[in-house]
Amino acid sequence: MIKEILKQVEELDRRIDAMQQLQPEEDAAAAPEAAALEELVRQRAELLAQCQELTAADRVFLARHQGRPRIDEYIDTLFTDFFEQRGDRLCYDDQSVFGGIARYKGVPVTVIGHRKGSTLEENMKFRFGMPEPEGYRKAMRLMRQAEKFGRPIITFIDTPGAYPGREAEEHGQGEAIARNLAEMSSLTVPVLSVVTGEGSSGGALGLGVANHILMLENAVYSVLSPEGFASILWKDASRSGEACEIMKLTAQDLKADGIVEEVIPEPLGGAQRDHAQLFAALDDALDRHLTQLCKMNGKALAEQRYKKYRQIGL
C-alpha cells in the first residue's frame, strides 16, 4: 500500500539529506560515502517506481495527505497582487473559504478555494476545509462581483464536504449550496475549477459548477466519502477500500467519463513530494484552459456550462 511505501521513502529522504550535509570534500575517503549515498538514492527510486500503478484507495490516501499544497500556496505561487475579501455581508466571515481578487499572468481574476490549513490548529480553525453556509455565501458574493466586472473565476476544491453541524443547518446550509449551484450555472464569465485534493458531496460542488474542471492526478471527486459510502451500502465503514473502486472517484475515471477536461500530473509519490513541479504543470494547464475560455462570449459560456452538466451520465 502507498502508505507503507511513503514511510520507507521518507526514511530514505532523511538518510540521504543527512549524508549530503555531511559529505566530505572530494578525496579518497569520500568514495565509500558516495557509494552509500548512491545506493540510498537507487533504493528510493525503486520504491517511488512502485507508485506508478496506484489503486483508488491509494489515491484517496494521497488526496488527504497533510503535505499537499494548500489554497494559500497556490495563490502565492500562481497569482500576483492578491487581495483577500472577507465576509458574506449577512452574518460573518467563514475562513474555511478563502478568496479574493488577483492577477493571473496580468489578467484580473477572482480566486476562491476551500482552506484546510497546514497544522492541527489551522485544521481545527478551518474545520478541515468544511464550510458553513456563510462560506458559500461569501463565495457567491465574490462570484457576483466577478460577473459585474467581467473577471474570470478560478476555484480550488479540497473539502471532505460541507460542515454538518447543527448551527450550519439552522443557518441554511442546503439553501446556500443550492443557490450557488443555480447562480454559477448562469454566470457569463469563464469559470475554471481545479480539484486539488478531496472533492466530496455538495460541499465540493458548491464551488465546482464550471466550464472546465481540472483534477490533480491523485485527487478524488465523489458524491460522498468512501467511508460514508461503505457505511450506507454495507453498514461497515471498514470496507472503504472496496468502496473506492466501486465509486469511480479518481481523476482517471472522471476523465474517461467526460466529467473532467484534464488530469494534471503529480510527482511520483504524490504532490507533497515536489510542490514546484506540480505548480509548473498546473500553471501550464490553467494558462491553456483560461485562454480558451476567454475567447468565448458570455452567452456561449453559460450554454457550454449548462450542456456540460446536462450530459453527465448519458
Protein backbone atom coordinates (compact mmCIF):
# COMPACT_ATOMS: atom_id res chain seq x y z
CA MET A 1 0.00 0.00 0.00
CA ILE A 2 1.14 3.55 -0.76
CA LYS A 3 1.20 4.48 2.93
CA GLU A 4 3.91 1.92 3.70
CA ILE A 5 5.91 2.86 0.61
CA LEU A 6 5.89 6.54 1.55
CA LYS A 7 7.05 5.73 5.08
CA GLN A 8 10.09 3.96 3.64
CA VAL A 9 10.70 6.76 1.14
CA GLU A 10 10.55 9.41 3.87
CA GLU A 11 13.09 7.47 5.93
CA LEU A 12 15.39 7.27 2.90
CA ASP A 13 14.88 11.01 2.33
CA ARG A 14 16.12 11.71 5.87
CA ARG A 15 19.15 9.49 5.47
CA ILE A 16 20.01 10.96 2.07
CA ASP A 17 19.69 14.53 3.35
CA ALA A 18 21.88 13.73 6.35
CA MET A 19 24.57 12.15 4.18
CA GLN A 20 24.54 15.03 1.71
CA GLN A 21 25.06 17.53 4.51
CA LEU A 22 27.95 15.55 5.97
CA GLN A 23 29.57 14.64 2.62
CA PRO A 24 33.32 15.40 2.88
CA GLU A 25 35.40 17.09 0.21
CA GLU A 26 36.26 15.00 -2.83
CA ASP A 27 39.09 12.72 -1.84
CA ALA A 28 39.82 9.04 -1.49
CA ALA A 29 38.00 8.83 1.84
CA ALA A 30 34.80 10.11 0.24
CA ALA A 31 34.41 7.11 -2.08
CA PRO A 32 32.65 4.80 0.43
CA GLU A 33 30.23 7.58 1.47
CA ALA A 34 29.47 8.44 -2.16
CA ALA A 35 28.76 4.78 -2.93
CA ALA A 36 26.46 4.50 0.09
CA LEU A 37 24.62 7.67 -0.96
CA GLU A 38 24.21 6.36 -4.48
CA GLU A 39 22.74 3.12 -3.12
CA LEU A 40 20.20 5.02 -1.00
CA VAL A 41 19.15 7.09 -4.00
CA ARG A 42 18.74 3.91 -6.03
CA GLN A 43 16.57 2.33 -3.33
CA ARG A 44 14.39 5.43 -3.18
CA ALA A 45 13.93 5.44 -6.96
CA GLU A 46 12.88 1.77 -6.86
CA LEU A 47 10.31 2.48 -4.16
CA LEU A 48 8.90 5.50 -5.99
CA ALA A 49 8.63 3.44 -9.17
CA GLN A 50 6.03 1.33 -7.33
CA CYS A 51 3.85 4.45 -7.15
CA GLN A 52 3.19 4.38 -10.88
CA GLU A 53 0.32 1.91 -10.53
CA LEU A 54 -1.93 3.02 -7.69
CA THR A 55 -5.29 1.71 -6.52
CA ALA A 56 -8.24 4.03 -5.96
CA ALA A 57 -7.70 3.66 -2.20
CA ASP A 58 -4.07 4.74 -2.63
CA ARG A 59 -5.21 7.87 -4.44
CA VAL A 60 -7.70 8.67 -1.67
CA PHE A 61 -4.83 8.41 0.82
CA LEU A 62 -2.69 10.79 -1.27
CA ALA A 63 -5.60 13.20 -1.79
CA ARG A 64 -5.84 13.55 2.00
CA HIS A 65 -2.09 13.80 2.62
CA GLN A 66 -1.29 16.65 5.01
CA GLY A 67 1.70 17.71 2.92
CA ARG A 68 -0.26 18.55 -0.23
CA PRO A 69 -0.22 22.22 -1.26
CA ARG A 70 -2.97 24.37 0.23
CA ILE A 71 -5.01 27.17 -1.30
CA ASP A 72 -2.73 29.94 0.02
CA GLU A 73 0.30 28.23 -1.54
CA TYR A 74 -1.41 28.01 -4.93
CA ILE A 75 -2.31 31.68 -4.73
CA ASP A 76 1.17 32.79 -3.62
CA THR A 77 2.85 30.82 -6.41
CA LEU A 78 0.50 31.15 -9.38
CA PHE A 79 -1.04 34.60 -8.90
CA THR A 80 0.10 38.15 -8.21
CA ASP A 81 -1.45 41.16 -6.48
CA PHE A 82 -3.83 39.01 -4.44
CA PHE A 83 -6.27 40.96 -2.28
CA GLU A 84 -8.33 38.86 0.13
CA GLN A 85 -12.02 39.65 0.55
CA ARG A 86 -13.84 38.54 3.67
CA GLY A 87 -17.37 38.09 4.93
CA ASP A 88 -20.70 37.22 3.37
CA ARG A 89 -22.30 40.61 4.22
CA LEU A 90 -25.01 38.73 6.09
CA CYS A 91 -23.52 37.07 9.16
CA TYR A 92 -19.74 36.59 9.50
CA ASP A 93 -16.53 35.58 7.74
CA ASP A 94 -16.20 31.80 7.32
CA GLN A 95 -12.44 31.31 6.97
CA SER A 96 -12.77 27.79 5.58
CA VAL A 97 -13.45 29.53 2.25
CA PHE A 98 -10.55 31.73 1.11
CA GLY A 99 -10.89 34.11 -1.79
CA GLY A 100 -10.30 37.47 -3.37
CA ILE A 101 -9.09 39.37 -6.41
CA ALA A 102 -5.74 38.64 -8.06
CA ARG A 103 -3.93 38.75 -11.38
CA TYR A 104 -3.08 35.68 -13.41
CA LYS A 105 -0.38 36.49 -15.95
CA GLY A 106 -1.56 40.09 -15.80
CA VAL A 107 -5.27 39.27 -16.21
CA PRO A 108 -7.58 40.25 -13.32
CA VAL A 109 -9.33 37.15 -11.92
CA THR A 110 -11.34 36.11 -8.89
CA VAL A 111 -9.83 33.20 -6.96
CA ILE A 112 -11.82 31.16 -4.43
CA GLY A 113 -10.98 27.91 -2.66
CA HIS A 114 -11.54 25.65 0.32
CA ARG A 115 -8.99 26.17 3.07
CA LYS A 116 -7.90 23.26 5.27
CA GLY A 117 -4.78 24.59 6.92
CA SER A 118 -1.32 23.09 7.31
CA THR A 119 -1.24 22.41 11.07
CA LEU A 120 -3.65 20.78 13.50
CA GLU A 121 -4.51 24.20 14.94
CA GLU A 122 -5.34 25.54 11.48
CA ASN A 123 -7.27 22.39 10.61
CA MET A 124 -9.46 22.93 13.67
CA LYS A 125 -9.86 26.64 12.95
CA PHE A 126 -10.96 25.98 9.36
CA ARG A 127 -12.96 22.83 10.28
CA PHE A 128 -10.73 20.74 7.97
CA GLY A 129 -11.99 22.67 4.97
CA MET A 130 -15.71 22.14 5.66
CA PRO A 131 -17.55 25.44 5.05
CA GLU A 132 -20.65 26.65 6.79
CA PRO A 133 -23.39 28.48 4.81
CA GLU A 134 -21.55 31.76 5.35
CA GLY A 135 -18.59 30.36 3.40
CA TYR A 136 -20.72 29.56 0.36
CA ARG A 137 -22.45 32.94 0.59
CA LYS A 138 -19.05 34.64 0.69
CA ALA A 139 -18.02 32.67 -2.39
CA MET A 140 -21.22 33.69 -4.16
CA ARG A 141 -20.66 37.33 -3.26
CA LEU A 142 -17.22 37.19 -4.86
CA MET A 143 -18.63 35.45 -7.96
CA ARG A 144 -21.31 38.10 -8.39
CA GLN A 145 -18.63 40.74 -8.14
CA ALA A 146 -16.58 38.89 -10.78
CA GLU A 147 -19.64 38.77 -13.02
CA LYS A 148 -20.21 42.50 -12.60
CA PHE A 149 -16.64 43.40 -13.59
CA GLY A 150 -16.10 40.65 -16.17
CA ARG A 151 -13.38 38.77 -14.30
CA PRO A 152 -12.78 35.02 -14.90
CA ILE A 153 -13.33 32.85 -11.83
CA ILE A 154 -10.88 30.15 -10.73
CA THR A 155 -11.88 27.86 -7.87
CA PHE A 156 -9.76 25.36 -5.95
CA ILE A 157 -11.70 22.44 -4.47
CA ASP A 158 -10.40 20.49 -1.48
CA THR A 159 -13.05 19.51 1.06
CA PRO A 160 -14.47 16.36 2.68
CA GLY A 161 -17.88 18.07 2.42
CA ALA A 162 -19.88 20.95 3.83
CA TYR A 163 -19.87 21.33 7.61
CA PRO A 164 -22.65 19.11 9.04
CA GLY A 165 -23.12 20.85 12.37
CA ARG A 166 -26.46 21.90 13.82
CA GLU A 167 -25.71 25.61 13.54
CA ALA A 168 -24.83 25.23 9.85
CA GLU A 169 -28.16 23.52 9.21
CA GLU A 170 -30.01 26.20 11.17
CA HIS A 171 -28.35 28.89 9.03
CA GLY A 172 -29.46 27.25 5.77
CA GLN A 173 -26.61 25.03 4.60
CA GLY A 174 -28.64 23.31 1.90
CA GLU A 175 -30.12 26.57 0.62
CA ALA A 176 -26.70 28.25 0.42
CA ILE A 177 -25.20 25.41 -1.64
CA ALA A 178 -28.30 25.17 -3.87
CA ARG A 179 -28.17 28.90 -4.57
CA ASN A 180 -24.51 28.61 -5.57
CA LEU A 181 -25.34 25.79 -7.98
CA ALA A 182 -28.13 27.82 -9.56
CA GLU A 183 -26.22 31.08 -9.88
CA MET A 184 -22.95 29.52 -11.03
CA SER A 185 -24.90 27.78 -13.79
CA SER A 186 -25.85 31.12 -15.35
CA LEU A 187 -22.59 33.09 -14.94
CA THR A 188 -21.41 34.77 -18.15
CA VAL A 189 -17.73 34.83 -17.23
CA PRO A 190 -15.31 31.87 -17.57
CA VAL A 191 -15.36 29.51 -14.58
CA LEU A 192 -12.44 27.12 -14.17
CA SER A 193 -12.33 24.65 -11.25
CA VAL A 194 -9.34 22.66 -10.01
CA VAL A 195 -9.84 19.67 -7.69
CA THR A 196 -6.59 19.62 -5.72
CA GLY A 197 -7.35 17.02 -3.04
CA GLU A 198 -10.72 15.75 -1.86
CA GLY A 199 -13.88 16.84 -3.61
CA SER A 200 -16.81 15.36 -1.73
CA SER A 201 -20.55 15.91 -1.89
CA GLY A 202 -22.36 19.22 -2.34
CA GLY A 203 -19.63 20.84 -0.27
CA ALA A 204 -17.35 20.50 -3.29
CA LEU A 205 -19.99 21.14 -5.93
CA GLY A 206 -20.85 24.46 -4.29
CA LEU A 207 -17.64 25.81 -5.84
CA GLY A 208 -17.50 23.42 -8.77
CA VAL A 209 -20.11 24.32 -11.40
CA ALA A 210 -17.50 25.23 -14.01
CA ASN A 211 -16.93 25.39 -17.75
CA HIS A 212 -13.82 23.25 -17.37
CA ILE A 213 -12.79 21.05 -14.46
CA LEU A 214 -9.16 20.07 -13.90
CA MET A 215 -8.04 17.45 -11.40
CA LEU A 216 -4.66 16.69 -9.95
CA GLU A 217 -3.55 13.16 -10.73
CA ASN A 218 -4.16 11.88 -7.19
CA ALA A 219 -7.21 13.99 -6.36
CA VAL A 220 -10.67 12.42 -5.93
CA TYR A 221 -14.16 13.75 -6.66
CA SER A 222 -17.29 11.95 -5.50
CA VAL A 223 -20.80 12.17 -4.11
CA LEU A 224 -19.54 11.34 -0.60
CA SER A 225 -16.54 9.87 1.18
CA PRO A 226 -15.67 6.17 0.68
CA GLU A 227 -16.25 5.63 4.41
CA GLY A 228 -19.73 7.13 4.13
CA PHE A 229 -20.47 5.07 1.03
CA ALA A 230 -19.44 1.85 2.78
CA SER A 231 -21.43 2.74 5.90
CA ILE A 232 -24.59 3.33 3.88
CA LEU A 233 -24.28 0.41 1.47
CA TRP A 234 -22.81 -2.27 3.73
CA LYS A 235 -23.15 -0.78 7.24
CA ASP A 236 -19.38 -1.24 7.52
CA ALA A 237 -17.03 1.74 7.15
CA SER A 238 -14.01 -0.61 7.21
CA ARG A 239 -14.87 -1.61 3.63
CA SER A 240 -13.95 1.85 2.38
CA GLY A 241 -11.14 0.43 0.23
CA GLU A 242 -13.65 -1.68 -1.67
CA ALA A 243 -15.92 1.35 -1.97
CA CYS A 244 -13.13 3.38 -3.57
CA GLU A 245 -13.03 1.01 -6.53
CA ILE A 246 -16.80 0.94 -6.99
CA MET A 247 -17.32 4.69 -6.75
CA LYS A 248 -15.09 5.57 -9.74
CA LEU A 249 -13.87 8.68 -7.92
CA THR A 250 -10.34 9.05 -9.30
CA ALA A 251 -9.24 11.69 -11.79
CA GLN A 252 -8.60 8.97 -14.36
CA ASP A 253 -12.15 7.57 -14.01
CA LEU A 254 -13.73 11.00 -14.27
CA LYS A 255 -11.63 11.97 -17.27
CA ALA A 256 -12.73 8.78 -19.03
CA ASP A 257 -16.38 9.65 -18.28
CA GLY A 258 -16.01 13.14 -19.73
CA ILE A 259 -16.61 14.95 -16.44
CA VAL A 260 -13.07 16.29 -16.14
CA GLU A 261 -11.29 18.06 -19.00
CA GLU A 262 -7.70 17.40 -17.93
CA VAL A 263 -5.69 15.46 -15.35
CA ILE A 264 -2.66 17.35 -14.02
CA PRO A 265 0.36 15.06 -13.43
CA GLU A 266 1.88 14.89 -9.96
CA PRO A 267 5.40 13.90 -8.91
CA LEU A 268 5.87 10.19 -8.19
CA GLY A 269 4.65 9.54 -4.67
CA GLY A 270 2.24 12.47 -4.62
CA ALA A 271 2.08 16.24 -4.87
CA GLN A 272 3.61 16.64 -1.40
CA ARG A 273 6.99 15.42 -2.70
CA ASP A 274 7.65 18.31 -5.08
CA HIS A 275 5.40 21.36 -4.92
CA ALA A 276 7.39 23.26 -7.55
CA GLN A 277 6.96 20.52 -10.15
CA LEU A 278 3.21 20.41 -9.51
CA PHE A 279 2.84 24.19 -9.68
CA ALA A 280 4.62 24.27 -13.05
CA ALA A 281 2.29 21.63 -14.53
CA LEU A 282 -0.81 23.31 -13.13
CA ASP A 283 0.30 26.74 -14.32
CA ASP A 284 0.60 25.43 -17.87
CA ALA A 285 -2.87 23.87 -17.74
CA LEU A 286 -4.52 26.95 -16.24
CA ASP A 287 -2.99 29.15 -18.92
CA ARG A 288 -4.24 26.93 -21.76
CA HIS A 289 -7.77 26.47 -20.45
CA LEU A 290 -8.27 30.08 -19.39
CA THR A 291 -7.05 31.32 -22.77
CA GLN A 292 -9.53 29.01 -24.50
CA LEU A 293 -12.47 30.04 -22.31
CA CYS A 294 -11.73 33.76 -22.56
CA LYS A 295 -12.28 33.54 -26.33
CA MET A 296 -15.97 32.67 -25.76
CA ASN A 297 -18.67 35.26 -25.19
CA GLY A 298 -20.90 35.30 -22.13
CA LYS A 299 -23.88 33.54 -23.68
CA ALA A 300 -21.69 30.79 -25.11
CA LEU A 301 -20.00 30.26 -21.73
CA ALA A 302 -23.33 29.84 -19.93
CA GLU A 303 -24.64 27.48 -22.62
CA GLN A 304 -21.46 25.37 -22.62
CA ARG A 305 -21.60 25.04 -18.83
CA TYR A 306 -25.28 24.06 -18.95
CA LYS A 307 -24.71 21.43 -21.63
CA LYS A 308 -21.68 20.01 -19.79
CA TYR A 309 -23.72 19.18 -16.71
CA ARG A 310 -26.79 18.02 -18.62
CA GLN A 311 -24.65 15.46 -20.46
CA ILE A 312 -23.09 13.92 -17.34
CA GLY A 313 -24.22 10.32 -17.01
CA LEU A 314 -25.53 9.91 -20.53
